[in-house]
Amino acid sequence: MSESTFDLEITENMNILNLSTIHVNGKLYFVKTDNNWVAEDDSIHIHSLVGFFSELNKLDNSESKSLMNKWGISFRPNTINPDYNEGINE
């Protein structure tokens, strides 16, 4: 079995997702922004990923859809209010 890492580090105002396999590795950094300020320190990554992929899907961009298909990624929001930031900046 190959060694892989899917490890989340949670610090104040930042989450770091460490990803690695024997072939590739990288880190995703999540910090507080105007769009995810409502997230608790331990859930910045969740709010950011749901928001990012929700907005990416709304773009209806063939290049981003092709890239997601290339890497086998799909996303469907499963929320009561799919416009998760509606009314925040009003």
PDB file of N, CA and C in Angstrom:
ATOM      1  N   MET A   1       0.832  -1.177   0.000  1.00  0.00           N
ATOM      2  CA  MET A   1       0.000   0.000   0.000  1.00  0.00           C
ATOM      3  C   MET A   1       0.886   1.253   0.000  1.00  0.00           C
ATOM      4  N   SER A   2       0.500   2.236  -0.780  1.00  0.00           N
ATOM      5  CA  SER A   2       1.299   3.454  -0.869  1.00  0.00           C
ATOM      6  C   SER A   2       1.007   4.373   0.313  1.00  0.00           C
ATOM      7  N   GLU A   3       2.004   5.179   0.643  1.00  0.00           N
ATOM      8  CA  GLU A   3       1.843   6.147   1.719  1.00  0.00           C
ATOM      9  C   GLU A   3       1.194   7.405   1.171  1.00  0.00           C
ATOM     10  N   SER A   4       0.152   7.866   1.841  1.00  0.00           N
ATOM     11  CA  SER A   4      -0.497   9.098   1.423  1.00  0.00           C
ATOM     12  C   SER A   4      -0.860   9.910   2.661  1.00  0.00           C
ATOM     13  N   THR A   5      -1.030  11.212   2.457  1.00  0.00           N
ATOM     14  CA  THR A   5      -1.354  12.122   3.550  1.00  0.00           C
ATOM     15  C   THR A   5      -2.543  12.978   3.146  1.00  0.00           C
ATOM     16  N   PHE A   6      -3.490  13.095   4.042  1.00  0.00           N
ATOM     17  CA  PHE A   6      -4.628  14.014   3.916  1.00  0.00           C
ATOM     18  C   PHE A   6      -4.824  14.554   5.323  1.00  0.00           C
ATOM     19  N   ASP A   7      -3.960  15.511   5.683  1.00  0.00           N
ATOM     20  CA  ASP A   7      -3.852  15.958   7.064  1.00  0.00           C
ATOM     21  C   ASP A   7      -4.211  17.433   7.168  1.00  0.00           C
ATOM     22  N   LEU A   8      -5.088  17.748   8.092  1.00  0.00           N
ATOM     23  CA  LEU A   8      -5.528  19.121   8.288  1.00  0.00           C
ATOM     24  C   LEU A   8      -4.906  19.697   9.549  1.00  0.00           C
ATOM     25  N   GLU A   9      -4.222  20.828   9.389  1.00  0.00           N
ATOM     26  CA  GLU A   9      -3.676  21.584  10.528  1.00  0.00           C
ATOM     27  C   GLU A   9      -4.586  22.784  10.751  1.00  0.00           C
ATOM     28  N   ILE A  10      -5.057  22.955  11.971  1.00  0.00           N
ATOM     29  CA  ILE A  10      -5.932  24.077  12.289  1.00  0.00           C
ATOM     30  C   ILE A  10      -5.214  25.005  13.258  1.00  0.00           C
ATOM     31  N   THR A  11      -5.076  26.265  12.840  1.00  0.00           N
ATOM     32  CA  THR A  11      -4.493  27.278  13.708  1.00  0.00           C
ATOM     33  C   THR A  11      -5.453  28.459  13.741  1.00  0.00           C
ATOM     34  N   GLU A  12      -5.161  29.443  14.540  1.00  0.00           N
ATOM     35  CA  GLU A  12      -6.018  30.617  14.596  1.00  0.00           C
ATOM     36  C   GLU A  12      -5.997  31.348  13.264  1.00  0.00           C
ATOM     37  N   ASN A  13      -7.154  31.473  12.648  1.00  0.00           N
ATOM     38  CA  ASN A  13      -7.356  32.177  11.374  1.00  0.00           C
ATOM     39  C   ASN A  13      -6.707  31.527  10.158  1.00  0.00           C
ATOM     40  N   MET A  14      -6.247  30.263  10.266  1.00  0.00           N
ATOM     41  CA  MET A  14      -5.709  29.576   9.092  1.00  0.00           C
ATOM     42  C   MET A  14      -5.870  28.071   9.261  1.00  0.00           C
ATOM     43  N   ASN A  15      -6.240  27.411   8.160  1.00  0.00           N
ATOM     44  CA  ASN A  15      -6.251  25.949   8.093  1.00  0.00           C
ATOM     45  C   ASN A  15      -5.333  25.560   6.949  1.00  0.00           C
ATOM     46  N   ILE A  16      -4.534  24.524   7.156  1.00  0.00           N
ATOM     47  CA  ILE A  16      -3.626  24.035   6.122  1.00  0.00           C
ATOM     48  C   ILE A  16      -3.944  22.570   5.878  1.00  0.00           C
ATOM     49  N   LEU A  17      -4.261  22.234   4.642  1.00  0.00           N
ATOM     50  CA  LEU A  17      -4.535  20.852   4.270  1.00  0.00           C
ATOM     51  C   LEU A  17      -3.311  20.315   3.542  1.00  0.00           C
ATOM     52  N   ASN A  18      -2.613  19.391   4.196  1.00  0.00           N
ATOM     53  CA  ASN A  18      -1.426  18.760   3.608  1.00  0.00           C
ATOM     54  C   ASN A  18      -1.872  17.542   2.810  1.00  0.00           C
ATOM     55  N   LEU A  19      -1.480  17.488   1.559  1.00  0.00           N
ATOM     56  CA  LEU A  19      -1.864  16.408   0.656  1.00  0.00           C
ATOM     57  C   LEU A  19      -0.608  15.800   0.053  1.00  0.00           C
ATOM     58  N   SER A  20      -0.509  14.474   0.084  1.00  0.00           N
ATOM     59  CA  SER A  20       0.642  13.859  -0.568  1.00  0.00           C
ATOM     60  C   SER A  20       0.375  12.391  -0.873  1.00  0.00           C
ATOM     61  N   THR A  21       0.995  11.935  -1.935  1.00  0.00           N
ATOM     62  CA  THR A  21       1.078  10.528  -2.295  1.00  0.00           C
ATOM     63  C   THR A  21       2.530  10.284  -2.676  1.00  0.00           C
ATOM     64  N   ILE A  22       2.838   9.096  -3.137  1.00  0.00           N
ATOM     65  CA  ILE A  22       4.212   8.845  -3.563  1.00  0.00           C
ATOM     66  C   ILE A  22       4.529   9.588  -4.864  1.00  0.00           C
ATOM     67  N   HIS A  23       3.489  10.081  -5.561  1.00  0.00           N
ATOM     68  CA  HIS A  23       3.697  10.737  -6.856  1.00  0.00           C
ATOM     69  C   HIS A  23       3.611  12.264  -6.812  1.00  0.00           C
ATOM     70  N   VAL A  24       2.747  12.805  -5.955  1.00  0.00           N
ATOM     71  CA  VAL A  24       2.527  14.259  -5.916  1.00  0.00           C
ATOM     72  C   VAL A  24       2.347  14.706  -4.470  1.00  0.00           C
ATOM     73  N   ASN A  25       2.562  16.005  -4.247  1.00  0.00           N
ATOM     74  CA  ASN A  25       2.266  16.560  -2.926  1.00  0.00           C
ATOM     75  C   ASN A  25       2.014  18.048  -3.025  1.00  0.00           C
ATOM     76  N   GLY A  26       1.321  18.582  -2.046  1.00  0.00           N
ATOM     77  CA  GLY A  26       1.033  20.006  -2.022  1.00  0.00           C
ATOM     78  C   GLY A  26       0.266  20.366  -0.777  1.00  0.00           C
ATOM     79  N   LYS A  27       0.008  21.645  -0.637  1.00  0.00           N
ATOM     80  CA  LYS A  27      -0.725  22.164   0.513  1.00  0.00           C
ATOM     81  C   LYS A  27      -1.791  23.129   0.021  1.00  0.00           C
ATOM     82  N   LEU A  28      -2.952  23.082   0.653  1.00  0.00           N
ATOM     83  CA  LEU A  28      -3.989  24.083   0.439  1.00  0.00           C
ATOM     84  C   LEU A  28      -4.054  24.924   1.698  1.00  0.00           C
ATOM     85  N   TYR A  29      -3.979  26.239   1.536  1.00  0.00           N
ATOM     86  CA  TYR A  29      -4.045  27.157   2.672  1.00  0.00           C
ATOM     87  C   TYR A  29      -5.398  27.858   2.656  1.00  0.00           C
ATOM     88  N   PHE A  30      -6.019  27.948   3.813  1.00  0.00           N
ATOM     89  CA  PHE A  30      -7.306  28.615   3.948  1.00  0.00           C
ATOM     90  C   PHE A  30      -7.175  29.659   5.049  1.00  0.00           C
ATOM     91  N   VAL A  31      -7.445  30.917   4.700  1.00  0.00           N
ATOM     92  CA  VAL A  31      -7.363  32.016   5.659  1.00  0.00           C
ATOM     93  C   VAL A  31      -8.679  32.787   5.657  1.00  0.00           C
ATOM     94  N   LYS A  32      -8.883  33.585   6.680  1.00  0.00           N
ATOM     95  CA  LYS A  32     -10.092  34.405   6.779  1.00  0.00           C
ATOM     96  C   LYS A  32     -10.099  35.456   5.662  1.00  0.00           C
ATOM     97  N   THR A  33     -11.267  35.616   5.049  1.00  0.00           N
ATOM     98  CA  THR A  33     -11.466  36.631   4.021  1.00  0.00           C
ATOM     99  C   THR A  33     -12.821  37.294   4.251  1.00  0.00           C
ATOM    100  N   ASP A  34     -13.150  38.268   3.427  1.00  0.00           N
ATOM    101  CA  ASP A  34     -14.456  38.917   3.521  1.00  0.00           C
ATOM    102  C   ASP A  34     -15.603  37.930   3.257  1.00  0.00           C
ATOM    103  N   ASN A  35     -15.332  36.856   2.503  1.00  0.00           N
ATOM    104  CA  ASN A  35     -16.386  35.911   2.163  1.00  0.00           C
ATOM    105  C   ASN A  35     -16.514  34.731   3.114  1.00  0.00           C
ATOM    106  N   ASN A  36     -15.518  34.459   3.924  1.00  0.00           N
ATOM    107  CA  ASN A  36     -15.636  33.330   4.850  1.00  0.00           C
ATOM    108  C   ASN A  36     -15.495  33.762   6.310  1.00  0.00           C
ATOM    109  N   TRP A  37     -15.668  35.025   6.587  1.00  0.00           N
ATOM    110  CA  TRP A  37     -15.488  35.561   7.934  1.00  0.00           C
ATOM    111  C   TRP A  37     -16.422  34.925   8.947  1.00  0.00           C
ATOM    112  N   VAL A  38     -17.547  34.366   8.510  1.00  0.00           N
ATOM    113  CA  VAL A  38     -18.502  33.757   9.441  1.00  0.00           C
ATOM    114  C   VAL A  38     -18.030  32.400   9.948  1.00  0.00           C
ATOM    115  N   ALA A  39     -17.025  31.812   9.303  1.00  0.00           N
ATOM    116  CA  ALA A  39     -16.538  30.486   9.682  1.00  0.00           C
ATOM    117  C   ALA A  39     -15.745  30.538  10.980  1.00  0.00           C
ATOM    118  N   GLU A  40     -15.901  29.521  11.791  1.00  0.00           N
ATOM    119  CA  GLU A  40     -15.072  29.363  12.985  1.00  0.00           C
ATOM    120  C   GLU A  40     -13.668  28.973  12.546  1.00  0.00           C
ATOM    121  N   ASP A  41     -12.681  29.155  13.410  1.00  0.00           N
ATOM    122  CA  ASP A  41     -11.297  28.833  13.066  1.00  0.00           C
ATOM    123  C   ASP A  41     -11.129  27.382  12.612  1.00  0.00           C
ATOM    124  N   ASP A  42     -11.925  26.466  13.169  1.00  0.00           N
ATOM    125  CA  ASP A  42     -11.764  25.058  12.819  1.00  0.00           C
ATOM    126  C   ASP A  42     -12.562  24.638  11.590  1.00  0.00           C
ATOM    127  N   SER A  43     -13.233  25.595  10.933  1.00  0.00           N
ATOM    128  CA  SER A  43     -14.009  25.229   9.742  1.00  0.00           C
ATOM    129  C   SER A  43     -13.813  26.173   8.566  1.00  0.00           C
ATOM    130  N   ILE A  44     -12.742  26.960   8.601  1.00  0.00           N
ATOM    131  CA  ILE A  44     -12.458  27.872   7.485  1.00  0.00           C
ATOM    132  C   ILE A  44     -12.359  27.078   6.179  1.00  0.00           C
ATOM    133  N   HIS A  45     -11.688  25.941   6.224  1.00  0.00           N
ATOM    134  CA  HIS A  45     -11.485  25.137   5.011  1.00  0.00           C
ATOM    135  C   HIS A  45     -12.804  24.668   4.420  1.00  0.00           C
ATOM    136  N   ILE A  46     -13.751  24.290   5.239  1.00  0.00           N
ATOM    137  CA  ILE A  46     -15.039  23.810   4.735  1.00  0.00           C
ATOM    138  C   ILE A  46     -15.797  24.950   4.066  1.00  0.00           C
ATOM    139  N   HIS A  47     -15.906  26.070   4.748  1.00  0.00           N
ATOM    140  CA  HIS A  47     -16.623  27.227   4.206  1.00  0.00           C
ATOM    141  C   HIS A  47     -15.985  27.698   2.899  1.00  0.00           C
ATOM    142  N   SER A  48     -14.667  27.739   2.871  1.00  0.00           N
ATOM    143  CA  SER A  48     -13.956  28.198   1.678  1.00  0.00           C
ATOM    144  C   SER A  48     -14.141  27.244   0.504  1.00  0.00           C
ATOM    145  N   LEU A  49     -14.029  25.940   0.746  1.00  0.00           N
ATOM    146  CA  LEU A  49     -14.181  24.979  -0.351  1.00  0.00           C
ATOM    147  C   LEU A  49     -15.607  24.956  -0.902  1.00  0.00           C
ATOM    148  N   VAL A  50     -16.603  24.963  -0.019  1.00  0.00           N
ATOM    149  CA  VAL A  50     -17.994  24.977  -0.484  1.00  0.00           C
ATOM    150  C   VAL A  50     -18.261  26.264  -1.265  1.00  0.00           C
ATOM    151  N   GLY A  51     -17.808  27.387  -0.745  1.00  0.00           N
ATOM    152  CA  GLY A  51     -18.001  28.655  -1.442  1.00  0.00           C
ATOM    153  C   GLY A  51     -17.293  28.701  -2.780  1.00  0.00           C
ATOM    154  N   PHE A  52     -16.047  28.255  -2.801  1.00  0.00           N
ATOM    155  CA  PHE A  52     -15.261  28.268  -4.030  1.00  0.00           C
ATOM    156  C   PHE A  52     -15.911  27.409  -5.115  1.00  0.00           C
ATOM    157  N   PHE A  53     -16.231  26.170  -4.769  1.00  0.00           N
ATOM    158  CA  PHE A  53     -16.806  25.283  -5.779  1.00  0.00           C
ATOM    159  C   PHE A  53     -18.222  25.693  -6.168  1.00  0.00           C
ATOM    160  N   SER A  54     -18.985  26.280  -5.257  1.00  0.00           N
ATOM    161  CA  SER A  54     -20.312  26.793  -5.610  1.00  0.00           C
ATOM    162  C   SER A  54     -20.198  27.905  -6.644  1.00  0.00           C
ATOM    163  N   GLU A  55     -19.266  28.816  -6.418  1.00  0.00           N
ATOM    164  CA  GLU A  55     -19.088  29.918  -7.365  1.00  0.00           C
ATOM    165  C   GLU A  55     -18.460  29.441  -8.669  1.00  0.00           C
ATOM    166  N   LEU A  56     -17.551  28.485  -8.598  1.00  0.00           N
ATOM    167  CA  LEU A  56     -16.940  27.936  -9.808  1.00  0.00           C
ATOM    168  C   LEU A  56     -18.009  27.298 -10.690  1.00  0.00           C
ATOM    169  N   ASN A  57     -18.930  26.557 -10.089  1.00  0.00           N
ATOM    170  CA  ASN A  57     -20.012  25.936 -10.855  1.00  0.00           C
ATOM    171  C   ASN A  57     -20.917  26.969 -11.507  1.00  0.00           C
ATOM    172  N   LYS A  58     -21.146  28.099 -10.835  1.00  0.00           N
ATOM    173  CA  LYS A  58     -22.001  29.157 -11.380  1.00  0.00           C
ATOM    174  C   LYS A  58     -21.382  29.834 -12.599  1.00  0.00           C
ATOM    175  N   LEU A  59     -20.062  29.754 -12.743  1.00  0.00           N
ATOM    176  CA  LEU A  59     -19.400  30.404 -13.883  1.00  0.00           C
ATOM    177  C   LEU A  59     -19.806  29.789 -15.211  1.00  0.00           C
ATOM    178  N   ASP A  60     -20.214  28.544 -15.207  1.00  0.00           N
ATOM    179  CA  ASP A  60     -20.593  27.829 -16.426  1.00  0.00           C
ATOM    180  C   ASP A  60     -19.486  27.974 -17.474  1.00  0.00           C
ATOM    181  N   ASN A  61     -18.257  27.753 -17.040  1.00  0.00           N
ATOM    182  CA  ASN A  61     -17.073  27.910 -17.859  1.00  0.00           C
ATOM    183  C   ASN A  61     -16.608  26.546 -18.360  1.00  0.00           C
ATOM    184  N   SER A  62     -16.504  26.389 -19.675  1.00  0.00           N
ATOM    185  CA  SER A  62     -16.129  25.088 -20.230  1.00  0.00           C
ATOM    186  C   SER A  62     -14.706  24.676 -19.844  1.00  0.00           C
ATOM    187  N   GLU A  63     -13.801  25.640 -19.692  1.00  0.00           N
ATOM    188  CA  GLU A  63     -12.432  25.297 -19.305  1.00  0.00           C
ATOM    189  C   GLU A  63     -12.367  24.752 -17.884  1.00  0.00           C
ATOM    190  N   SER A  64     -13.082  25.392 -16.952  1.00  0.00           N
ATOM    191  CA  SER A  64     -13.058  24.894 -15.579  1.00  0.00           C
ATOM    192  C   SER A  64     -13.769  23.545 -15.483  1.00  0.00           C
ATOM    193  N   LYS A  65     -14.857  23.366 -16.217  1.00  0.00           N
ATOM    194  CA  LYS A  65     -15.555  22.071 -16.220  1.00  0.00           C
ATOM    195  C   LYS A  65     -14.668  20.982 -16.796  1.00  0.00           C
ATOM    196  N   SER A  66     -13.958  21.298 -17.857  1.00  0.00           N
ATOM    197  CA  SER A  66     -13.049  20.343 -18.474  1.00  0.00           C
ATOM    198  C   SER A  66     -11.920  19.967 -17.518  1.00  0.00           C
ATOM    199  N   LEU A  67     -11.378  20.965 -16.822  1.00  0.00           N
ATOM    200  CA  LEU A  67     -10.304  20.717 -15.865  1.00  0.00           C
ATOM    201  C   LEU A  67     -10.792  19.847 -14.702  1.00  0.00           C
ATOM    202  N   MET A  68     -11.985  20.133 -14.199  1.00  0.00           N
ATOM    203  CA  MET A  68     -12.537  19.312 -13.122  1.00  0.00           C
ATOM    204  C   MET A  68     -12.764  17.878 -13.598  1.00  0.00           C
ATOM    205  N   ASN A  69     -13.273  17.720 -14.806  1.00  0.00           N
ATOM    206  CA  ASN A  69     -13.470  16.376 -15.361  1.00  0.00           C
ATOM    207  C   ASN A  69     -12.140  15.649 -15.535  1.00  0.00           C
ATOM    208  N   LYS A  70     -11.122  16.384 -15.977  1.00  0.00           N
ATOM    209  CA  LYS A  70      -9.798  15.791 -16.171  1.00  0.00           C
ATOM    210  C   LYS A  70      -9.282  15.171 -14.880  1.00  0.00           C
ATOM    211  N   TRP A  71      -9.536  15.838 -13.745  1.00  0.00           N
ATOM    212  CA  TRP A  71      -9.039  15.366 -12.456  1.00  0.00           C
ATOM    213  C   TRP A  71     -10.093  14.593 -11.670  1.00  0.00           C
ATOM    214  N   GLY A  72     -11.233  14.318 -12.290  1.00  0.00           N
ATOM    215  CA  GLY A  72     -12.266  13.521 -11.635  1.00  0.00           C
ATOM    216  C   GLY A  72     -12.910  14.207 -10.451  1.00  0.00           C
ATOM    217  N   ILE A  73     -13.117  15.520 -10.563  1.00  0.00           N
ATOM    218  CA  ILE A  73     -13.712  16.292  -9.477  1.00  0.00           C
ATOM    219  C   ILE A  73     -15.086  16.787  -9.910  1.00  0.00           C
ATOM    220  N   SER A  74     -16.056  16.588  -9.055  1.00  0.00           N
ATOM    221  CA  SER A  74     -17.370  17.183  -9.277  1.00  0.00           C
ATOM    222  C   SER A  74     -17.865  17.719  -7.942  1.00  0.00           C
ATOM    223  N   PHE A  75     -18.764  18.680  -8.001  1.00  0.00           N
ATOM    224  CA  PHE A  75     -19.263  19.300  -6.775  1.00  0.00           C
ATOM    225  C   PHE A  75     -20.726  19.654  -6.957  1.00  0.00           C
ATOM    226  N   ARG A  76     -21.496  19.362  -5.930  1.00  0.00           N
ATOM    227  CA  ARG A  76     -22.893  19.771  -5.894  1.00  0.00           C
ATOM    228  C   ARG A  76     -23.165  20.306  -4.498  1.00  0.00           C
ATOM    229  N   PRO A  77     -23.575  21.577  -4.381  1.00  0.00           N
ATOM    230  CA  PRO A  77     -23.873  22.121  -3.054  1.00  0.00           C
ATOM    231  C   PRO A  77     -25.097  21.424  -2.470  1.00  0.00           C
ATOM    232  N   ASN A  78     -25.041  21.150  -1.208  1.00  0.00           N
ATOM    233  CA  ASN A  78     -26.134  20.492  -0.519  1.00  0.00           C
ATOM    234  C   ASN A  78     -26.505  21.343   0.683  1.00  0.00           C
ATOM    235  N   THR A  79     -27.016  22.539   0.395  1.00  0.00           N
ATOM    236  CA  THR A  79     -27.336  23.482   1.462  1.00  0.00           C
ATOM    237  C   THR A  79     -28.784  23.923   1.350  1.00  0.00           C
ATOM    238  N   ILE A  80     -29.306  24.420   2.437  1.00  0.00           N
ATOM    239  CA  ILE A  80     -30.667  24.954   2.435  1.00  0.00           C
ATOM    240  C   ILE A  80     -30.722  26.188   1.549  1.00  0.00           C
ATOM    241  N   ASN A  81     -29.714  27.043   1.654  1.00  0.00           N
ATOM    242  CA  ASN A  81     -29.637  28.256   0.853  1.00  0.00           C
ATOM    243  C   ASN A  81     -28.363  28.183   0.020  1.00  0.00           C
ATOM    244  N   PRO A  82     -28.469  27.818  -1.289  1.00  0.00           N
ATOM    245  CA  PRO A  82     -27.263  27.676  -2.099  1.00  0.00           C
ATOM    246  C   PRO A  82     -26.470  28.970  -2.264  1.00  0.00           C
ATOM    247  N   ASP A  83     -27.114  30.123  -2.060  1.00  0.00           N
ATOM    248  CA  ASP A  83     -26.373  31.379  -2.093  1.00  0.00           C
ATOM    249  C   ASP A  83     -25.941  31.679  -0.657  1.00  0.00           C
ATOM    250  N   TYR A  84     -24.892  30.996  -0.216  1.00  0.00           N
ATOM    251  CA  TYR A  84     -24.455  30.982   1.176  1.00  0.00           C
ATOM    252  C   TYR A  84     -24.079  32.350   1.725  1.00  0.00           C
ATOM    253  N   ASN A  85     -23.750  33.310   0.863  1.00  0.00           N
ATOM    254  CA  ASN A  85     -23.368  34.645   1.330  1.00  0.00           C
ATOM    255  C   ASN A  85     -24.452  35.687   1.074  1.00  0.00           C
ATOM    256  N   GLU A  86     -25.637  35.248   0.711  1.00  0.00           N
ATOM    257  CA  GLU A  86     -26.711  36.190   0.391  1.00  0.00           C
ATOM    258  C   GLU A  86     -26.983  37.110   1.583  1.00  0.00           C
ATOM    259  N   GLY A  87     -26.946  38.392   1.332  1.00  0.00           N
ATOM    260  CA  GLY A  87     -27.280  39.366   2.353  1.00  0.00           C
ATOM    261  C   GLY A  87     -26.147  39.737   3.294  1.00  0.00           C
ATOM    262  N   ILE A  88     -25.007  39.092   3.208  1.00  0.00           N
ATOM    263  CA  ILE A  88     -23.925  39.371   4.155  1.00  0.00           C
ATOM    264  C   ILE A  88     -23.372  40.782   3.975  1.00  0.00           C
ATOM    265  N   ASN A  89     -23.195  41.228   2.730  1.00  0.00           N
ATOM    266  CA  ASN A  89     -22.557  42.517   2.481  1.00  0.00           C
ATOM    267  C   ASN A  89     -23.563  43.638   2.250  1.00  0.00           C
ATOM    268  N   GLU A  90     -24.816  43.411   2.591  1.00  0.00           N
ATOM    269  CA  GLU A  90     -25.830  44.441   2.365  1.00  0.00           C
ATOM    270  C   GLU A  90     -25.854  45.445   3.484  1.00  0.00           C
TER     271      GLU A  90
END
